[in-house]
Amino acid sequence: MNNQPAEIFGYYVGDPSAEARKARKEHWCPFTGSRCSKNSRLIDYPFGVCTVAHGDGFYTICPLRFEPK
């Protein structure tokens, strides 16, 4: 069973592109056009997970992704 983050700061976790690296470095959310606002109690920077892989599917866990910019 596959249970892990699939998309972080709007990009697939395995995306090596300059855009994906920049979004991760700056904690940038492409869906809101601003810094990610999801906080974690375990880390000192925004959570950044948009979508998770669970079983055979992918599930969006960030409600901000559906709000208009």
N, C-alpha and C. Protein backbone atom coordinates (compact mmCIF):
# COMPACT_ATOMS: atom_id res chain seq x y z
N MET A 1 0.85 -1.19 0.00
CA MET A 1 0.00 0.00 0.00
C MET A 1 0.88 1.25 0.00
N ASN A 2 0.55 2.19 -0.83
CA ASN A 2 1.31 3.42 -1.00
C ASN A 2 0.65 4.54 -0.18
N ASN A 3 1.27 4.97 0.90
CA ASN A 3 0.73 6.03 1.73
C ASN A 3 1.83 7.06 2.00
N GLN A 4 1.84 8.11 1.17
CA GLN A 4 2.90 9.10 1.31
C GLN A 4 2.51 10.39 0.60
N PRO A 5 3.20 11.49 0.89
CA PRO A 5 2.95 12.73 0.15
C PRO A 5 3.21 12.49 -1.34
N ALA A 6 2.36 13.06 -2.18
CA ALA A 6 2.53 12.93 -3.63
C ALA A 6 2.85 14.28 -4.27
N GLU A 7 2.41 15.35 -3.63
CA GLU A 7 2.60 16.69 -4.17
C GLU A 7 2.94 17.63 -3.02
N ILE A 8 4.02 18.37 -3.17
CA ILE A 8 4.45 19.31 -2.13
C ILE A 8 4.63 20.68 -2.77
N PHE A 9 4.01 21.69 -2.16
CA PHE A 9 4.04 23.05 -2.69
C PHE A 9 3.66 23.07 -4.17
N GLY A 10 2.65 22.24 -4.53
CA GLY A 10 2.10 22.26 -5.87
C GLY A 10 2.82 21.44 -6.90
N TYR A 11 3.88 20.74 -6.53
CA TYR A 11 4.66 19.95 -7.49
C TYR A 11 4.81 18.51 -7.00
N TYR A 12 4.80 17.59 -7.95
CA TYR A 12 5.02 16.18 -7.64
C TYR A 12 6.33 16.05 -6.85
N VAL A 13 6.35 15.20 -5.83
CA VAL A 13 7.52 15.09 -4.96
C VAL A 13 8.80 14.74 -5.69
N GLY A 14 8.72 14.07 -6.82
CA GLY A 14 9.90 13.72 -7.58
C GLY A 14 10.28 14.71 -8.66
N ASP A 15 9.61 15.85 -8.70
CA ASP A 15 9.87 16.85 -9.74
C ASP A 15 11.18 17.58 -9.45
N PRO A 16 12.19 17.42 -10.31
CA PRO A 16 13.48 18.07 -10.08
C PRO A 16 13.61 19.45 -10.75
N SER A 17 12.52 19.96 -11.32
CA SER A 17 12.61 21.21 -12.08
C SER A 17 13.01 22.39 -11.20
N ALA A 18 13.51 23.41 -11.84
CA ALA A 18 13.90 24.63 -11.13
C ALA A 18 12.69 25.25 -10.44
N GLU A 19 11.52 25.20 -11.09
CA GLU A 19 10.30 25.77 -10.50
C GLU A 19 9.91 25.03 -9.22
N ALA A 20 9.98 23.71 -9.25
CA ALA A 20 9.63 22.92 -8.07
C ALA A 20 10.62 23.17 -6.94
N ARG A 21 11.90 23.21 -7.26
CA ARG A 21 12.92 23.47 -6.22
C ARG A 21 12.71 24.86 -5.60
N LYS A 22 12.40 25.84 -6.43
CA LYS A 22 12.18 27.20 -5.93
C LYS A 22 10.94 27.24 -5.02
N ALA A 23 9.85 26.58 -5.43
CA ALA A 23 8.64 26.54 -4.61
C ALA A 23 8.93 25.90 -3.26
N ARG A 24 9.70 24.81 -3.25
CA ARG A 24 10.02 24.16 -1.98
C ARG A 24 10.91 25.05 -1.11
N LYS A 25 11.87 25.70 -1.72
CA LYS A 25 12.77 26.57 -0.96
C LYS A 25 12.03 27.76 -0.34
N GLU A 26 11.10 28.32 -1.11
CA GLU A 26 10.37 29.52 -0.65
C GLU A 26 9.04 29.19 0.02
N HIS A 27 8.70 27.90 0.09
CA HIS A 27 7.42 27.45 0.68
C HIS A 27 6.25 28.11 -0.04
N TRP A 28 6.34 28.16 -1.38
CA TRP A 28 5.39 28.90 -2.20
C TRP A 28 4.24 28.02 -2.68
N CYS A 29 3.02 28.49 -2.50
CA CYS A 29 1.83 27.79 -2.96
C CYS A 29 1.37 28.38 -4.29
N PRO A 30 1.43 27.60 -5.36
CA PRO A 30 1.01 28.13 -6.65
C PRO A 30 -0.50 28.29 -6.77
N PHE A 31 -1.25 27.70 -5.87
CA PHE A 31 -2.71 27.77 -5.93
C PHE A 31 -3.24 29.05 -5.29
N THR A 32 -2.50 29.58 -4.32
CA THR A 32 -2.93 30.84 -3.69
C THR A 32 -2.08 32.02 -4.15
N GLY A 33 -0.94 31.71 -4.78
CA GLY A 33 -0.04 32.77 -5.22
C GLY A 33 0.67 33.45 -4.07
N SER A 34 0.87 32.70 -2.97
CA SER A 34 1.55 33.25 -1.79
C SER A 34 2.22 32.11 -1.02
N ARG A 35 2.91 32.47 0.04
CA ARG A 35 3.56 31.48 0.89
C ARG A 35 2.50 30.54 1.48
N CYS A 36 2.81 29.27 1.55
CA CYS A 36 1.89 28.28 2.11
C CYS A 36 1.53 28.66 3.55
N SER A 37 0.27 28.52 3.89
CA SER A 37 -0.19 28.90 5.22
C SER A 37 -0.50 27.71 6.12
N LYS A 38 -0.26 26.49 5.63
CA LYS A 38 -0.55 25.31 6.45
C LYS A 38 0.58 25.09 7.45
N ASN A 39 0.26 25.19 8.72
CA ASN A 39 1.25 25.01 9.78
C ASN A 39 1.27 23.56 10.26
N SER A 40 2.41 23.19 10.81
CA SER A 40 2.58 21.87 11.41
C SER A 40 3.07 22.04 12.84
N ARG A 41 2.67 21.14 13.69
CA ARG A 41 3.16 21.20 15.07
C ARG A 41 4.53 20.54 15.20
N LEU A 42 4.98 19.88 14.14
CA LEU A 42 6.24 19.15 14.20
C LEU A 42 7.41 19.82 13.48
N ILE A 43 7.13 20.76 12.59
CA ILE A 43 8.19 21.43 11.84
C ILE A 43 8.01 22.94 11.94
N ASP A 44 9.08 23.68 11.73
CA ASP A 44 9.06 25.14 11.90
C ASP A 44 8.78 25.91 10.61
N TYR A 45 8.35 25.24 9.58
CA TYR A 45 8.05 25.89 8.30
C TYR A 45 6.72 25.32 7.80
N PRO A 46 6.10 25.94 6.81
CA PRO A 46 4.80 25.47 6.33
C PRO A 46 4.83 24.01 5.90
N PHE A 47 3.73 23.35 6.13
CA PHE A 47 3.57 21.92 5.87
C PHE A 47 3.76 21.58 4.39
N GLY A 48 3.09 22.27 3.50
CA GLY A 48 3.33 22.17 2.07
C GLY A 48 2.77 20.98 1.32
N VAL A 49 2.19 19.99 2.01
CA VAL A 49 1.66 18.83 1.31
C VAL A 49 0.28 19.17 0.76
N CYS A 50 0.12 19.02 -0.56
CA CYS A 50 -1.14 19.33 -1.24
C CYS A 50 -1.96 18.06 -1.50
N THR A 51 -1.27 17.00 -1.88
CA THR A 51 -1.90 15.75 -2.29
C THR A 51 -1.12 14.58 -1.70
N VAL A 52 -1.85 13.54 -1.30
CA VAL A 52 -1.20 12.32 -0.80
C VAL A 52 -1.57 11.13 -1.68
N ALA A 53 -0.67 10.16 -1.73
CA ALA A 53 -0.95 8.88 -2.39
C ALA A 53 -1.40 7.93 -1.29
N HIS A 54 -2.56 7.34 -1.48
CA HIS A 54 -3.10 6.40 -0.49
C HIS A 54 -3.71 5.23 -1.25
N GLY A 55 -3.19 4.06 -0.98
CA GLY A 55 -3.68 2.89 -1.72
C GLY A 55 -3.38 3.08 -3.20
N ASP A 56 -4.39 2.97 -4.02
CA ASP A 56 -4.22 3.11 -5.47
C ASP A 56 -4.61 4.49 -5.98
N GLY A 57 -4.89 5.42 -5.09
CA GLY A 57 -5.36 6.73 -5.54
C GLY A 57 -4.57 7.89 -5.00
N PHE A 58 -4.87 9.07 -5.53
CA PHE A 58 -4.28 10.32 -5.07
C PHE A 58 -5.41 11.18 -4.52
N TYR A 59 -5.17 11.81 -3.37
CA TYR A 59 -6.21 12.58 -2.71
C TYR A 59 -5.68 13.95 -2.31
N THR A 60 -6.40 14.97 -2.72
CA THR A 60 -6.05 16.33 -2.35
C THR A 60 -6.43 16.54 -0.90
N ILE A 61 -5.50 17.06 -0.10
CA ILE A 61 -5.79 17.28 1.31
C ILE A 61 -5.79 18.77 1.66
N CYS A 62 -5.46 19.62 0.68
CA CYS A 62 -5.40 21.06 0.95
C CYS A 62 -6.64 21.74 0.38
N PRO A 63 -7.51 22.28 1.22
CA PRO A 63 -8.71 22.96 0.73
C PRO A 63 -8.40 24.27 0.01
N LEU A 64 -7.24 24.88 0.29
CA LEU A 64 -6.89 26.15 -0.35
C LEU A 64 -6.70 26.00 -1.85
N ARG A 65 -6.39 24.82 -2.26
CA ARG A 65 -6.16 24.53 -3.67
C ARG A 65 -7.40 24.78 -4.53
N PHE A 66 -8.57 24.73 -3.93
CA PHE A 66 -9.81 24.91 -4.67
C PHE A 66 -10.39 26.32 -4.59
N GLU A 67 -9.76 27.17 -3.82
CA GLU A 67 -10.25 28.55 -3.70
C GLU A 67 -9.70 29.39 -4.85
N PRO A 68 -10.52 30.33 -5.33
CA PRO A 68 -10.02 31.20 -6.41
C PRO A 68 -8.91 32.11 -5.91
N LYS A 69 -8.00 32.45 -6.82
CA LYS A 69 -6.89 33.33 -6.45
C LYS A 69 -7.37 34.75 -6.30
